[in-house]
């Protein structure tokens, strides 16, 4: 699917966290098409900027972003159970929602009968599984689209959900507000954090997860991810919203920061975040260079294949989609391979998504569309050593 939503006429020039003026982009995609977080092709270039004052990284947002999330951003909406694959552990698939619930329960002491709001919840899968384990909790949901109501009504009362705006009666109501992979999408994360802070009781906890571009480098070039937080910029954003950061954990969730912040009993004086901005800038420069060159590397491997080579792409997520978009001739790709049962049987860019064991004989080459941090390990787990494939690892 090619999304034709127009790019804003002029890229954002002010940092979404500290308001500083941004300079020239550190990354501009090398072709006329970019890739969204839903693995759709977007007609337009991704432009990414770095803030030298707070270490925030941001992408110029698409025009009409509110309408996009209200009407077009249909994530995991085919069923209650549909989910993203988090990892394969000893041959067992671990889904992202299950990992999010177990991590939350390990990090938070939820009060008996506590009120919990999932802010930017989509279908609210994490909260639904949480209250199944803790039925004493009172679930609340908020999102900027009506398309998920059918999921909410299965586990929450209608008076406990809100769309587009949260009601004033919710201010100071909640023991815990959660936000799972939402802040990267919003054009004004500072306003969203202030809103979440107002909803907490004194002493209440904001618990969230955002992508970590330093351990999941693909996040830098996801065209509808406006914000890419560094540790310093996330800490500053929390402080400036009036919250007291308690923890920013880069290890509890692969490729993400898990953070906890408290609505303090007394005001917190804003201060600069911790972290080495020079190191952040150096790391981001390296990641930008990597992505700037990746399309060329994909096409060089493509050119090295014989004219009758049969190829497949392993991974039907963002990395696999990026590879497909970079190819000169997508017609040579027979299929995408994916271990996630919820992806199998679907199509991506007109190609079937099949389980790895169903790969047809005669395929010569595999483009590996997995996070480079675990790609070689993931392919080794398949036991394909005896197969004479040519591999392209990104």
Protein backbone atom coordinates (compact mmCIF):
# COMPACT_ATOMS: atom_id res chain seq x y z
CA UNK A 1 0.00 0.00 0.00
CA UNK A 2 1.34 3.43 -0.97
CA UNK A 3 0.17 6.21 1.32
CA UNK A 4 -0.21 9.55 -0.41
CA UNK A 5 -0.65 11.75 2.65
CA UNK A 6 1.28 14.96 1.87
CA UNK A 7 4.42 15.94 3.69
CA UNK A 8 4.29 19.24 5.56
CA UNK A 9 5.42 22.07 3.32
CA UNK A 10 8.35 22.94 5.58
CA UNK A 11 10.06 20.61 8.01
CA UNK A 12 9.72 21.40 11.68
CA UNK A 13 12.59 23.57 12.84
CA UNK A 14 12.03 23.68 16.61
CA UNK A 15 12.87 20.84 18.98
CA UNK A 16 9.79 19.09 20.34
CA UNK A 17 11.43 18.75 23.77
CA UNK A 18 13.38 21.93 24.53
CA UNK A 19 12.18 24.30 21.81
CA UNK A 20 15.66 25.04 20.45
CA UNK A 21 16.03 25.88 16.80
CA UNK A 22 17.08 22.88 14.72
CA UNK A 23 19.71 23.01 12.00
CA UNK A 24 20.00 21.06 8.76
CA UNK A 25 18.72 17.47 8.71
CA UNK A 26 21.14 14.74 9.68
CA UNK A 27 19.35 12.22 7.46
CA UNK A 28 17.26 12.48 4.30
CA UNK A 29 16.04 9.25 2.71
CA UNK A 30 17.71 8.47 -0.62
CA UNK A 31 14.55 7.96 -2.65
CA UNK A 32 11.05 9.34 -3.13
CA UNK A 33 9.44 6.65 -0.94
CA UNK A 34 9.73 6.06 2.81
CA UNK A 35 8.33 3.37 5.12
CA UNK A 36 5.81 3.82 7.96
CA UNK A 37 5.64 1.94 11.25
CA UNK A 38 2.84 -0.19 9.75
CA UNK A 39 5.16 -1.23 6.90
CA UNK A 40 3.32 0.85 4.33
CA UNK A 41 5.14 2.83 1.65
CA UNK A 42 4.80 6.59 2.00
CA UNK A 43 5.22 8.89 -0.98
CA UNK A 44 7.76 11.33 0.42
CA UNK A 45 11.21 11.55 1.96
CA UNK A 46 11.98 11.18 5.64
CA UNK A 47 13.90 14.15 7.05
CA UNK A 48 15.49 13.71 10.48
CA UNK A 49 16.94 16.42 12.73
CA UNK A 50 19.14 16.40 15.83
CA UNK A 51 18.93 18.88 18.71
CA UNK A 52 22.37 19.85 19.97
CA UNK A 53 20.88 21.35 23.14
CA UNK A 54 19.00 18.35 24.59
CA UNK A 55 19.93 15.35 22.42
CA UNK A 56 16.47 14.85 20.98
CA UNK A 57 16.04 13.42 17.48
CA UNK A 58 12.92 14.13 15.46
CA UNK A 59 11.45 13.55 12.04
CA UNK A 60 9.51 16.18 10.14
CA UNK A 61 5.91 15.11 10.66
CA UNK A 62 3.51 14.26 7.89
CA UNK A 63 0.83 16.83 7.18
CA UNK A 64 -2.59 16.03 8.60
CA UNK A 65 -1.13 13.86 11.33
CA UNK A 66 -4.30 13.99 13.45
CA UNK A 67 -6.46 12.67 10.59
CA UNK A 68 -3.84 10.03 9.82
CA UNK A 69 -4.04 8.51 13.31
CA UNK A 70 -7.79 8.96 13.53
CA UNK A 71 -8.67 7.30 10.24
CA UNK A 72 -5.72 5.47 8.66
CA UNK A 73 -3.49 4.09 11.40
CA UNK A 74 -5.04 0.66 11.84
CA UNK A 75 -2.64 -1.25 14.09
CA UNK A 76 -3.22 -4.93 14.98
CA UNK A 77 -6.93 -4.51 14.39
CA UNK A 78 -7.79 -7.84 12.76
CA UNK A 79 -8.52 -9.62 16.06
CA UNK A 80 -8.21 -9.38 19.84
CA UNK A 81 -5.23 -11.73 19.81
CA UNK A 82 -3.24 -10.23 16.91
CA UNK A 83 0.14 -9.13 18.24
CA UNK A 84 3.73 -8.40 17.30
CA UNK A 85 6.49 -10.92 17.84
CA UNK A 86 8.84 -9.79 20.61
CA UNK A 87 11.30 -12.68 20.52
CA UNK A 88 11.62 -16.41 20.03
CA UNK A 89 12.94 -17.99 23.24
CA UNK A 90 14.02 -21.65 23.11
CA UNK A 91 11.70 -22.16 20.16
CA UNK A 92 8.74 -20.48 21.88
CA UNK A 93 7.22 -17.29 20.49
CA UNK A 94 6.98 -14.44 23.00
CA UNK A 95 4.55 -11.70 21.98
CA UNK A 96 5.13 -8.04 22.72
CA UNK A 97 2.00 -7.54 24.79
CA UNK A 98 2.84 -10.44 27.11
CA UNK A 99 6.34 -9.07 27.65
CA UNK A 100 4.95 -5.59 28.36
CA UNK A 101 2.57 -6.95 30.99
CA UNK A 102 5.23 -9.03 32.75
CA UNK A 103 7.67 -6.11 32.74
CA UNK A 104 5.08 -3.72 34.16
CA UNK A 105 4.16 -6.12 36.96
CA UNK A 106 7.82 -6.53 37.83
CA UNK A 107 8.40 -2.78 38.02
CA UNK A 108 5.20 -1.45 39.63
CA UNK A 109 3.36 -2.20 42.86
CA UNK A 110 -0.20 -1.64 41.70
CA UNK A 111 -2.52 -0.70 44.57
CA UNK A 112 -5.52 -2.90 45.26
CA UNK A 113 -8.51 -1.47 43.37
CA UNK A 114 -6.24 1.06 41.63
CA UNK A 115 -7.39 3.15 38.70
CA UNK A 116 -5.23 2.68 35.61
CA UNK A 117 -5.44 4.69 32.37
CA UNK A 118 -3.80 3.56 29.12
CA UNK A 119 -3.07 6.82 27.24
CA UNK A 120 -2.82 6.43 23.46
CA UNK A 121 -3.99 2.87 23.91
CA UNK A 122 -5.08 1.73 20.41
CA UNK A 123 -7.00 -1.48 21.16
CA UNK A 124 -5.71 -1.55 24.75
CA UNK A 125 -4.28 -5.06 24.56
CA UNK A 126 -1.76 -4.57 27.36
CA UNK A 127 -4.35 -3.17 29.76
CA UNK A 128 -6.81 -5.94 28.83
CA UNK A 129 -4.26 -8.62 29.72
CA UNK A 130 -3.26 -6.74 32.85
CA UNK A 131 -6.80 -6.60 34.26
CA UNK A 132 -7.30 -10.27 33.38
CA UNK A 133 -4.47 -10.96 35.86
CA UNK A 134 -5.58 -8.21 38.25
CA UNK A 135 -9.40 -7.97 38.03
CA UNK A 136 -9.42 -5.63 41.04
CA UNK A 137 -8.00 -2.82 38.87
CA UNK A 138 -10.34 -0.30 37.24
CA UNK A 139 -9.30 0.11 33.58
CA UNK A 140 -9.63 3.37 31.63
CA UNK A 141 -8.68 4.03 28.01
CA UNK A 142 -7.88 7.05 25.85
CA UNK A 143 -7.04 7.33 22.16
CA UNK A 144 -7.40 9.75 19.26
CA UNK A 145 -9.45 7.37 17.11
CA UNK A 146 -12.86 5.71 17.38
CA UNK A 147 -11.82 2.58 15.50
CA UNK A 148 -10.82 0.67 18.66
CA UNK A 149 -14.05 1.03 20.65
CA UNK A 150 -15.13 -2.50 19.76
CA UNK A 151 -12.09 -3.81 21.61
CA UNK A 152 -12.51 -1.57 24.66
CA UNK A 153 -16.13 -2.45 25.35
CA UNK A 154 -15.14 -6.06 26.00
CA UNK A 155 -13.33 -5.23 29.24
CA UNK A 156 -14.04 -1.62 30.28
CA UNK A 157 -17.19 0.39 31.01
CA UNK A 158 -18.14 3.10 28.50
CA UNK A 159 -17.81 5.86 31.09
CA UNK A 160 -14.19 4.77 31.52
CA UNK A 161 -13.02 5.52 28.01
CA UNK A 162 -12.46 8.78 26.14
CA UNK A 163 -11.74 9.74 22.52
CA UNK A 164 -9.90 12.84 21.24
CA UNK A 165 -9.91 14.61 24.65
CA UNK A 166 -9.79 13.42 28.24
CA UNK A 167 -12.60 14.79 30.45
CA UNK A 168 -11.70 17.26 33.19
CA UNK A 169 -13.28 14.96 35.77
CA UNK A 170 -10.34 12.62 35.18
CA UNK A 171 -7.79 15.15 36.47
CA UNK A 172 -6.02 13.79 39.54
CA UNK A 173 -7.96 10.51 39.25
CA UNK A 174 -5.37 7.84 38.48
CA UNK A 175 -2.92 5.78 40.45
CA UNK A 176 -1.11 4.81 37.25
CA UNK A 177 -1.12 6.19 33.71
CA UNK A 178 0.54 4.00 31.07
CA UNK A 179 1.65 4.88 27.57
CA UNK A 180 3.02 2.15 25.32
CA UNK A 181 4.79 3.21 22.11
CA UNK A 182 2.67 6.35 21.69
CA UNK A 183 4.90 9.35 22.43
CA UNK A 184 7.02 8.74 19.33
CA UNK A 185 3.95 9.46 17.18
CA UNK A 186 2.77 12.80 18.58
CA UNK A 187 3.77 16.20 17.28
CA UNK A 188 3.83 17.75 20.76
CA UNK A 189 5.10 15.17 23.26
CA UNK A 190 5.57 17.87 25.91
CA UNK A 191 1.84 18.64 25.85
CA UNK A 192 0.99 14.94 26.02
CA UNK A 193 3.25 14.44 29.05
CA UNK A 194 1.73 17.45 30.80
CA UNK A 195 -1.73 16.04 30.13
CA UNK A 196 -0.74 12.68 31.56
CA UNK A 197 0.75 14.37 34.61
CA UNK A 198 -2.51 16.22 35.29
CA UNK A 199 -4.38 12.93 35.29
CA UNK A 200 -2.28 11.40 38.07
CA UNK A 201 -3.00 11.58 41.76
CA UNK A 202 -0.24 13.12 43.86
CA UNK A 203 2.29 10.33 44.14
CA UNK A 204 0.80 8.58 41.10
CA UNK A 205 3.07 6.91 38.54
CA UNK A 206 3.47 7.47 34.82
CA UNK A 207 4.78 4.26 33.24
CA UNK A 208 5.77 4.24 29.59
CA UNK A 209 7.73 2.65 26.77
CA UNK A 210 9.23 4.47 23.78
CA UNK A 211 11.58 3.16 21.08
CA UNK A 212 15.32 3.32 21.72
CA UNK A 213 16.90 4.32 18.42
CA UNK A 214 20.34 3.38 19.73
CA UNK A 215 19.45 -0.32 20.08
CA UNK A 216 16.78 -0.46 17.36
CA UNK A 217 18.33 1.66 14.66
CA UNK A 218 15.39 1.33 12.28
CA UNK A 219 13.46 3.76 14.45
CA UNK A 220 15.49 6.63 12.99
CA UNK A 221 13.92 6.22 9.54
CA UNK A 222 10.32 5.30 10.43
CA UNK A 223 8.60 8.18 8.66
CA UNK A 224 5.61 8.49 11.03
CA UNK A 225 7.73 8.37 14.20
CA UNK A 226 8.11 12.07 14.89
CA UNK A 227 10.15 11.66 18.07
CA UNK A 228 13.23 9.55 18.74
CA UNK A 229 14.17 10.00 22.37
CA UNK A 230 17.67 9.83 23.77
CA UNK A 231 18.15 9.29 27.48
CA UNK A 232 18.86 13.03 28.04
CA UNK A 233 15.91 14.25 25.98
CA UNK A 234 13.47 11.82 27.61
CA UNK A 235 14.61 12.87 31.08
CA UNK A 236 14.28 16.57 30.18
CA UNK A 237 10.81 15.99 28.70
CA UNK A 238 9.65 14.35 31.93
CA UNK A 239 11.15 17.04 34.14
CA UNK A 240 9.70 19.88 32.08
CA UNK A 241 6.24 18.30 32.35
CA UNK A 242 6.46 18.57 36.14
CA UNK A 243 7.14 14.88 36.75
CA UNK A 244 10.00 13.36 38.75
CA UNK A 245 11.84 10.67 36.74
CA UNK A 246 12.34 7.52 38.80
CA UNK A 247 13.89 5.21 36.21
CA UNK A 248 14.77 5.04 32.54
CA UNK A 249 15.66 1.43 31.75
CA UNK A 250 17.30 0.61 28.41
CA UNK A 251 17.49 -3.16 29.07
CA UNK A 252 14.05 -4.33 30.21
CA UNK A 253 12.54 -4.20 26.70
CA UNK A 254 14.68 -4.89 23.63
CA UNK A 255 14.98 -1.82 21.44
CA UNK A 256 13.12 0.48 23.85
CA UNK A 257 13.35 2.69 26.92
CA UNK A 258 11.03 1.73 29.79
CA UNK A 259 10.49 4.69 32.09
CA UNK A 260 8.77 5.46 35.37
CA UNK A 261 8.02 8.96 36.62
CA UNK A 262 6.13 10.24 39.64
CA UNK A 263 3.60 13.03 40.09
CA UNK A 264 5.44 14.65 43.00
CA UNK A 265 3.82 15.92 46.15
CA UNK A 266 5.80 19.16 45.74
CA UNK A 267 6.89 20.88 42.48
CA UNK A 268 10.11 19.68 40.88
CA UNK A 269 12.51 22.32 39.60
CA UNK A 270 13.29 21.55 35.96
CA UNK A 271 16.94 20.84 35.23
CA UNK A 272 19.08 19.50 32.45
CA UNK A 273 18.93 15.80 31.84
CA UNK A 274 21.86 13.53 32.50
CA UNK A 275 23.87 11.90 29.76
CA UNK A 276 26.73 12.81 27.44
CA UNK A 277 25.32 14.91 24.57
CA UNK A 278 28.56 14.58 22.61
CA UNK A 279 28.29 10.79 22.76
CA UNK A 280 24.63 10.93 21.76
CA UNK A 281 25.50 13.14 18.77
CA UNK A 282 28.31 10.80 17.69
CA UNK A 283 26.08 7.72 17.93
CA UNK A 284 23.28 9.35 15.95
CA UNK A 285 25.73 10.47 13.26
CA UNK A 286 26.88 6.86 12.86
CA UNK A 287 23.30 5.56 12.68
CA UNK A 288 22.39 8.22 10.10
CA UNK A 289 25.38 7.26 7.95
CA UNK A 290 24.38 3.60 8.17
CA UNK A 291 20.87 4.27 6.86
CA UNK A 292 22.07 6.73 4.24
CA UNK A 293 24.19 3.96 2.71
CA UNK A 294 21.90 0.97 3.23
CA UNK A 295 19.83 1.38 0.07
CA UNK A 296 23.01 1.38 -2.02
CA UNK A 297 24.22 -1.77 -0.26
CA UNK A 298 20.91 -3.53 -0.95
CA UNK A 299 21.11 -2.70 -4.64
CA UNK A 300 24.76 -3.77 -4.87
CA UNK A 301 23.84 -7.21 -3.53
CA UNK A 302 20.88 -7.32 -5.92
CA UNK A 303 23.22 -6.60 -8.83
CA UNK A 304 25.57 -9.40 -7.75
CA UNK A 305 22.86 -12.05 -8.16
CA UNK A 306 22.52 -14.01 -11.37
CA UNK A 307 19.67 -13.15 -13.69
CA UNK A 308 17.72 -16.30 -12.79
CA UNK A 309 18.29 -16.12 -9.02
CA UNK A 310 15.24 -16.74 -6.85
CA UNK A 311 15.09 -14.65 -3.71
CA UNK A 312 13.05 -14.17 -0.53
CA UNK A 313 13.06 -11.60 2.27
CA UNK A 314 13.21 -12.88 5.85
CA UNK A 315 11.12 -10.60 8.04
CA UNK A 316 7.90 -8.82 7.12
CA UNK A 317 8.38 -5.95 9.55
CA UNK A 318 10.04 -2.60 9.02
CA UNK A 319 13.49 -3.92 8.08
CA UNK A 320 12.11 -6.30 5.48
CA UNK A 321 9.87 -3.60 4.03
CA UNK A 322 12.79 -1.17 3.81
CA UNK A 323 14.81 -3.76 1.86
CA UNK A 324 11.91 -4.36 -0.52
CA UNK A 325 11.48 -0.62 -1.12
CA UNK A 326 15.19 -0.26 -1.88
CA UNK A 327 15.28 -2.99 -4.55
CA UNK A 328 15.32 -2.09 -8.22
CA UNK A 329 13.21 -5.12 -9.15
CA UNK A 330 10.75 -6.30 -6.49
CA UNK A 331 9.30 -8.83 -8.96
CA UNK A 332 12.25 -11.14 -8.26
CA UNK A 333 11.17 -11.54 -4.64
CA UNK A 334 9.01 -14.64 -4.25
CA UNK A 335 7.80 -14.05 -0.68
CA UNK A 336 8.43 -12.66 2.76
CA UNK A 337 9.21 -15.11 5.58
CA UNK A 338 8.03 -14.56 9.14
CA UNK A 339 7.76 -16.70 12.28
CA UNK A 340 4.83 -14.68 13.62
CA UNK A 341 1.60 -16.65 12.94
CA UNK A 342 -0.36 -13.38 12.83
CA UNK A 343 1.72 -12.26 9.84
CA UNK A 344 1.57 -15.55 7.96
CA UNK A 345 -1.10 -15.77 5.28
CA UNK A 346 -1.12 -12.01 4.69
CA UNK A 347 0.44 -10.05 1.86
CA UNK A 348 3.06 -7.32 1.97
CA UNK A 349 3.72 -5.22 -1.13
CA UNK A 350 1.85 -7.80 -3.18
CA UNK A 351 3.98 -10.71 -1.95
CA UNK A 352 2.77 -13.53 0.34
CA UNK A 353 4.03 -13.79 3.91
CA UNK A 354 4.78 -17.42 4.72
CA UNK A 355 6.32 -19.36 7.58
CA UNK A 356 10.02 -20.15 7.08
CA UNK A 357 9.44 -23.92 6.85
CA UNK A 358 7.18 -23.30 3.85
CA UNK A 359 9.93 -21.68 1.78
CA UNK A 360 9.91 -23.22 -1.66
CA UNK A 361 12.92 -25.21 -2.81
CA UNK A 362 15.10 -23.56 -5.38
CA UNK A 363 15.45 -20.20 -3.63
CA UNK A 364 19.04 -19.01 -3.95
CA UNK A 365 19.31 -15.88 -1.84
CA UNK A 366 17.82 -14.46 1.35
CA UNK A 367 17.68 -10.80 2.31
CA UNK A 368 17.63 -10.80 6.12
CA UNK A 369 15.26 -8.07 7.27
CA UNK A 370 15.87 -8.33 11.03
CA UNK A 371 17.34 -5.97 13.60
CA UNK A 372 21.10 -6.28 13.02
CA UNK A 373 21.63 -6.67 16.78
CA UNK A 374 20.08 -10.15 16.67
CA UNK A 375 19.90 -11.05 12.99
CA UNK A 376 22.72 -13.61 12.86
CA UNK A 377 21.49 -15.29 16.04
CA UNK A 378 17.93 -15.40 14.71
CA UNK A 379 18.98 -17.01 11.44
CA UNK A 380 21.20 -19.53 13.22
CA UNK A 381 18.20 -20.70 15.25
CA UNK A 382 16.52 -21.84 12.01
CA UNK A 383 19.10 -24.57 11.44
CA UNK A 384 19.58 -23.72 7.78
CA UNK A 385 23.35 -24.27 7.81
CA UNK A 386 23.12 -27.04 5.22
CA UNK A 387 21.19 -24.89 2.77
CA UNK A 388 23.33 -23.20 0.17
CA UNK A 389 21.78 -19.74 0.42
CA UNK A 390 23.48 -16.44 -0.23
CA UNK A 391 22.57 -14.10 2.61
CA UNK A 392 22.37 -10.34 2.74
CA UNK A 393 22.53 -9.02 6.29
CA UNK A 394 21.81 -5.36 6.80
